[in-house]
Amino acid sequence: MTTVDPTALSGLDVMRHAQRTQDVDAPHIGRLLGMSFDEVEEGRVVMSLVTRPDFMNPLGTVHGGIAATLLDSVMGCAVHSTLAPGVGYTTLELKVNYIRSARTDGRRLVGEGKVVHAGRRTATAEGRVVDERGALVAHATTTCLILAPEA
């Protein structure tokens, strides 16, 4: 496991490091859900996961919280990729629209997040989750609070 001081690197460099290492040993939500970084560029992040029975809701399909978590992750990481060293963020608001259900039998879901606006105090982003056929499963928007380092 390679340790990176996130305060010493730009947000983009932190995201690129995460993509390169895909550190599955460090505790984080991505490890819990089996998420992987597929693409990272400034203002855009793509991650994916493979569905499993553990993701099942009472109706037998993937619980909406899985798609919401994937969306929150890709949109937040897209925002993070625009930040200077030592600057953080937190999600202020997350709005998810569910379009169709997803199966729990090993289907790949891909989430893409793109920054819409990166300001000094807030940032907004939009995201989409598609299944392996490219069918839209859910889409979302977020507003993030930018956390400048303390002086």
C-alpha atoms as a PDB file:
ATOM      1  CA  MET A   1       0.000   0.000   0.000  1.00  0.00           C
ATOM      2  CA  THR A   2       1.407   3.378  -1.016  1.00  0.00           C
ATOM      3  CA  THR A   3       0.563   6.239   1.315  1.00  0.00           C
ATOM      4  CA  VAL A   4       0.009   9.649  -0.228  1.00  0.00           C
ATOM      5  CA  ASP A   5      -0.295  12.906   1.679  1.00  0.00           C
ATOM      6  CA  PRO A   6      -3.407  14.354   0.004  1.00  0.00           C
ATOM      7  CA  THR A   7      -2.546  17.841   1.269  1.00  0.00           C
ATOM      8  CA  ALA A   8       0.694  17.847  -0.744  1.00  0.00           C
ATOM      9  CA  LEU A   9      -0.846  16.921  -4.101  1.00  0.00           C
ATOM     10  CA  SER A  10      -3.422  18.529  -6.333  1.00  0.00           C
ATOM     11  CA  GLY A  11      -6.820  16.863  -6.384  1.00  0.00           C
ATOM     12  CA  LEU A  12      -6.102  15.601  -9.888  1.00  0.00           C
ATOM     13  CA  ASP A  13      -2.863  13.998  -8.729  1.00  0.00           C
ATOM     14  CA  VAL A  14      -4.660  12.357  -5.781  1.00  0.00           C
ATOM     15  CA  MET A  15      -7.273  10.917  -8.181  1.00  0.00           C
ATOM     16  CA  ARG A  16      -4.596   9.718 -10.623  1.00  0.00           C
ATOM     17  CA  HIS A  17      -2.762   8.020  -7.756  1.00  0.00           C
ATOM     18  CA  ALA A  18      -5.998   6.295  -6.735  1.00  0.00           C
ATOM     19  CA  GLN A  19      -6.509   5.116 -10.322  1.00  0.00           C
ATOM     20  CA  ARG A  20      -2.936   3.809 -10.592  1.00  0.00           C
ATOM     21  CA  THR A  21      -2.884   1.946  -7.289  1.00  0.00           C
ATOM     22  CA  GLN A  22      -6.537   0.803  -7.052  1.00  0.00           C
ATOM     23  CA  ASP A  23      -5.681   0.190  -3.386  1.00  0.00           C
ATOM     24  CA  VAL A  24      -8.067  -2.544  -2.280  1.00  0.00           C
ATOM     25  CA  ASP A  25      -6.419  -2.967   1.142  1.00  0.00           C
ATOM     26  CA  ALA A  26      -7.121   0.520   2.493  1.00  0.00           C
ATOM     27  CA  PRO A  27     -10.583   0.915   4.058  1.00  0.00           C
ATOM     28  CA  HIS A  28     -12.870   3.063   1.885  1.00  0.00           C
ATOM     29  CA  ILE A  29     -16.326   2.890   0.328  1.00  0.00           C
ATOM     30  CA  GLY A  30     -14.890   1.843  -3.020  1.00  0.00           C
ATOM     31  CA  ARG A  31     -13.363  -1.263  -1.471  1.00  0.00           C
ATOM     32  CA  LEU A  32     -16.621  -2.124   0.265  1.00  0.00           C
ATOM     33  CA  LEU A  33     -18.587  -1.969  -3.000  1.00  0.00           C
ATOM     34  CA  GLY A  34     -15.826  -3.188  -5.324  1.00  0.00           C
ATOM     35  CA  MET A  35     -15.549   0.107  -7.230  1.00  0.00           C
ATOM     36  CA  SER A  36     -12.616   0.731  -9.530  1.00  0.00           C
ATOM     37  CA  PHE A  37     -11.321   3.872 -11.195  1.00  0.00           C
ATOM     38  CA  ASP A  38     -11.563   3.498 -14.977  1.00  0.00           C
ATOM     39  CA  GLU A  39     -10.757   7.042 -16.177  1.00  0.00           C
ATOM     40  CA  VAL A  40      -9.508  10.184 -14.460  1.00  0.00           C
ATOM     41  CA  GLU A  41      -9.024  13.606 -16.009  1.00  0.00           C
ATOM     42  CA  GLU A  42      -9.505  17.122 -14.738  1.00  0.00           C
ATOM     43  CA  GLY A  43     -13.205  17.616 -14.096  1.00  0.00           C
ATOM     44  CA  ARG A  44     -14.218  14.070 -15.130  1.00  0.00           C
ATOM     45  CA  VAL A  45     -14.040  10.678 -13.412  1.00  0.00           C
ATOM     46  CA  VAL A  46     -15.359   7.260 -14.483  1.00  0.00           C
ATOM     47  CA  MET A  47     -15.705   4.392 -12.015  1.00  0.00           C
ATOM     48  CA  SER A  48     -17.371   1.005 -12.251  1.00  0.00           C
ATOM     49  CA  LEU A  49     -18.499  -1.885 -10.107  1.00  0.00           C
ATOM     50  CA  VAL A  50     -19.905  -5.349 -10.646  1.00  0.00           C
ATOM     51  CA  THR A  51     -23.262  -6.075  -9.070  1.00  0.00           C
ATOM     52  CA  ARG A  52     -23.710  -8.925  -6.623  1.00  0.00           C
ATOM     53  CA  PRO A  53     -26.518 -10.414  -4.516  1.00  0.00           C
ATOM     54  CA  ASP A  54     -25.351  -8.382  -1.481  1.00  0.00           C
ATOM     55  CA  PHE A  55     -26.649  -5.285  -3.333  1.00  0.00           C
ATOM     56  CA  MET A  56     -30.214  -6.648  -3.487  1.00  0.00           C
ATOM     57  CA  ASN A  57     -33.250  -4.700  -2.313  1.00  0.00           C
ATOM     58  CA  PRO A  58     -36.504  -6.452  -1.220  1.00  0.00           C
ATOM     59  CA  LEU A  59     -37.661  -6.477  -4.865  1.00  0.00           C
ATOM     60  CA  GLY A  60     -34.637  -8.530  -5.967  1.00  0.00           C
ATOM     61  CA  THR A  61     -32.840  -5.784  -7.912  1.00  0.00           C
ATOM     62  CA  VAL A  62     -29.883  -3.545  -7.060  1.00  0.00           C
ATOM     63  CA  HIS A  63     -30.718  -1.206  -4.176  1.00  0.00           C
ATOM     64  CA  GLY A  64     -30.878   2.434  -5.241  1.00  0.00           C
ATOM     65  CA  GLY A  65     -28.273   3.328  -2.645  1.00  0.00           C
ATOM     66  CA  ILE A  66     -25.643   1.494  -4.700  1.00  0.00           C
ATOM     67  CA  ALA A  67     -26.283   3.729  -7.724  1.00  0.00           C
ATOM     68  CA  ALA A  68     -26.467   6.784  -5.438  1.00  0.00           C
ATOM     69  CA  THR A  69     -23.119   5.915  -3.860  1.00  0.00           C
ATOM     70  CA  LEU A  70     -21.519   5.362  -7.261  1.00  0.00           C
ATOM     71  CA  LEU A  71     -22.909   8.723  -8.422  1.00  0.00           C
ATOM     72  CA  ASP A  72     -21.793  10.550  -5.269  1.00  0.00           C
ATOM     73  CA  SER A  73     -18.321   9.039  -5.712  1.00  0.00           C
ATOM     74  CA  VAL A  74     -17.807   9.906  -9.388  1.00  0.00           C
ATOM     75  CA  MET A  75     -19.228  13.419  -9.056  1.00  0.00           C
ATOM     76  CA  GLY A  76     -17.290  14.133  -5.855  1.00  0.00           C
ATOM     77  CA  CYS A  77     -14.063  12.763  -7.331  1.00  0.00           C
ATOM     78  CA  ALA A  78     -14.621  14.871 -10.469  1.00  0.00           C
ATOM     79  CA  VAL A  79     -14.880  17.939  -8.231  1.00  0.00           C
ATOM     80  CA  HIS A  80     -11.822  16.797  -6.262  1.00  0.00           C
ATOM     81  CA  SER A  81      -9.853  16.571  -9.520  1.00  0.00           C
ATOM     82  CA  THR A  82     -10.192  20.352  -9.957  1.00  0.00           C
ATOM     83  CA  LEU A  83      -8.867  21.313  -6.522  1.00  0.00           C
ATOM     84  CA  ALA A  84      -5.479  22.696  -5.519  1.00  0.00           C
ATOM     85  CA  PRO A  85      -3.239  20.942  -2.968  1.00  0.00           C
ATOM     86  CA  GLY A  86      -4.669  21.055   0.536  1.00  0.00           C
ATOM     87  CA  VAL A  87      -8.181  21.982  -0.605  1.00  0.00           C
ATOM     88  CA  GLY A  88     -10.990  19.577   0.215  1.00  0.00           C
ATOM     89  CA  TYR A  89     -14.715  19.315  -0.384  1.00  0.00           C
ATOM     90  CA  THR A  90     -17.850  17.757   1.006  1.00  0.00           C
ATOM     91  CA  THR A  91     -21.188  16.971  -0.588  1.00  0.00           C
ATOM     92  CA  LEU A  92     -23.841  19.558   0.285  1.00  0.00           C
ATOM     93  CA  GLU A  93     -26.642  18.165  -1.861  1.00  0.00           C
ATOM     94  CA  LEU A  94     -27.247  15.086  -3.982  1.00  0.00           C
ATOM     95  CA  LYS A  95     -30.253  14.678  -6.299  1.00  0.00           C
ATOM     96  CA  VAL A  96     -30.703  11.272  -7.933  1.00  0.00           C
ATOM     97  CA  ASN A  97     -33.204  10.228 -10.601  1.00  0.00           C
ATOM     98  CA  TYR A  98     -33.677   6.477 -11.064  1.00  0.00           C
ATOM     99  CA  ILE A  99     -34.584   5.361 -14.584  1.00  0.00           C
ATOM    100  CA  ARG A 100     -34.516   1.560 -14.489  1.00  0.00           C
ATOM    101  CA  SER A 101     -33.526  -1.251 -12.171  1.00  0.00           C
ATOM    102  CA  ALA A 102     -30.303  -3.213 -12.414  1.00  0.00           C
ATOM    103  CA  ARG A 103     -29.795  -6.915 -11.834  1.00  0.00           C
ATOM    104  CA  THR A 104     -27.621  -8.315  -9.060  1.00  0.00           C
ATOM    105  CA  ASP A 105     -26.047 -11.146 -11.070  1.00  0.00           C
ATOM    106  CA  GLY A 106     -22.608  -9.785 -11.891  1.00  0.00           C
ATOM    107  CA  ARG A 107     -23.589  -6.942 -14.203  1.00  0.00           C
ATOM    108  CA  ARG A 108     -21.124  -4.081 -14.664  1.00  0.00           C
ATOM    109  CA  LEU A 109     -22.425  -0.617 -13.773  1.00  0.00           C
ATOM    110  CA  VAL A 110     -20.398   2.365 -14.961  1.00  0.00           C
ATOM    111  CA  GLY A 111     -20.654   5.796 -13.363  1.00  0.00           C
ATOM    112  CA  GLU A 112     -19.372   8.976 -14.955  1.00  0.00           C
ATOM    113  CA  GLY A 113     -19.129  12.316 -13.170  1.00  0.00           C
ATOM    114  CA  LYS A 114     -18.433  15.672 -14.819  1.00  0.00           C
ATOM    115  CA  VAL A 115     -17.921  19.054 -13.205  1.00  0.00           C
ATOM    116  CA  VAL A 116     -20.386  21.695 -14.369  1.00  0.00           C
ATOM    117  CA  HIS A 117     -18.993  24.585 -12.303  1.00  0.00           C
ATOM    118  CA  ALA A 118     -15.932  24.796 -10.056  1.00  0.00           C
ATOM    119  CA  GLY A 119     -16.029  27.951  -7.992  1.00  0.00           C
ATOM    120  CA  ARG A 120     -14.115  29.257  -5.016  1.00  0.00           C
ATOM    121  CA  ARG A 121     -16.739  28.195  -2.423  1.00  0.00           C
ATOM    122  CA  THR A 122     -18.956  25.675  -4.205  1.00  0.00           C
ATOM    123  CA  ALA A 123     -18.794  23.311  -7.144  1.00  0.00           C
ATOM    124  CA  THR A 124     -21.531  21.508  -9.059  1.00  0.00           C
ATOM    125  CA  ALA A 125     -21.354  18.295 -11.052  1.00  0.00           C
ATOM    126  CA  GLU A 126     -23.585  15.910 -12.944  1.00  0.00           C
ATOM    127  CA  GLY A 127     -23.379  12.160 -13.239  1.00  0.00           C
ATOM    128  CA  ARG A 128     -24.791   9.129 -15.001  1.00  0.00           C
ATOM    129  CA  VAL A 129     -24.822   5.406 -14.288  1.00  0.00           C
ATOM    130  CA  VAL A 130     -25.276   3.018 -17.196  1.00  0.00           C
ATOM    131  CA  ASP A 131     -25.433  -0.757 -17.352  1.00  0.00           C
ATOM    132  CA  GLU A 132     -23.211  -2.923 -19.538  1.00  0.00           C
ATOM    133  CA  ARG A 133     -25.570  -2.440 -22.492  1.00  0.00           C
ATOM    134  CA  GLY A 134     -25.239   1.349 -22.132  1.00  0.00           C
ATOM    135  CA  ALA A 135     -28.803   1.747 -20.836  1.00  0.00           C
ATOM    136  CA  LEU A 136     -29.253   4.612 -18.382  1.00  0.00           C
ATOM    137  CA  VAL A 137     -29.896   3.338 -14.843  1.00  0.00           C
ATOM    138  CA  ALA A 138     -29.750   6.664 -12.956  1.00  0.00           C
ATOM    139  CA  HIS A 139     -28.559  10.235 -13.304  1.00  0.00           C
ATOM    140  CA  ALA A 140     -27.810  12.887 -10.719  1.00  0.00           C
ATOM    141  CA  THR A 141     -26.553  16.324  -9.825  1.00  0.00           C
ATOM    142  CA  THR A 142     -24.573  17.464  -6.812  1.00  0.00           C
ATOM    143  CA  THR A 143     -23.429  20.614  -5.085  1.00  0.00           C
ATOM    144  CA  CYS A 144     -20.186  20.430  -3.129  1.00  0.00           C
ATOM    145  CA  LEU A 145     -18.814  22.833  -0.531  1.00  0.00           C
ATOM    146  CA  ILE A 146     -15.154  23.685  -1.154  1.00  0.00           C
ATOM    147  CA  LEU A 147     -13.108  23.449   2.055  1.00  0.00           C
ATOM    148  CA  ALA A 148     -10.088  25.747   1.912  1.00  0.00           C
ATOM    149  CA  PRO A 149      -7.187  24.946   4.262  1.00  0.00           C
ATOM    150  CA  GLU A 150      -7.232  26.760   7.558  1.00  0.00           C
ATOM    151  CA  ALA A 151      -4.910  29.758   7.700  1.00  0.00           C
END
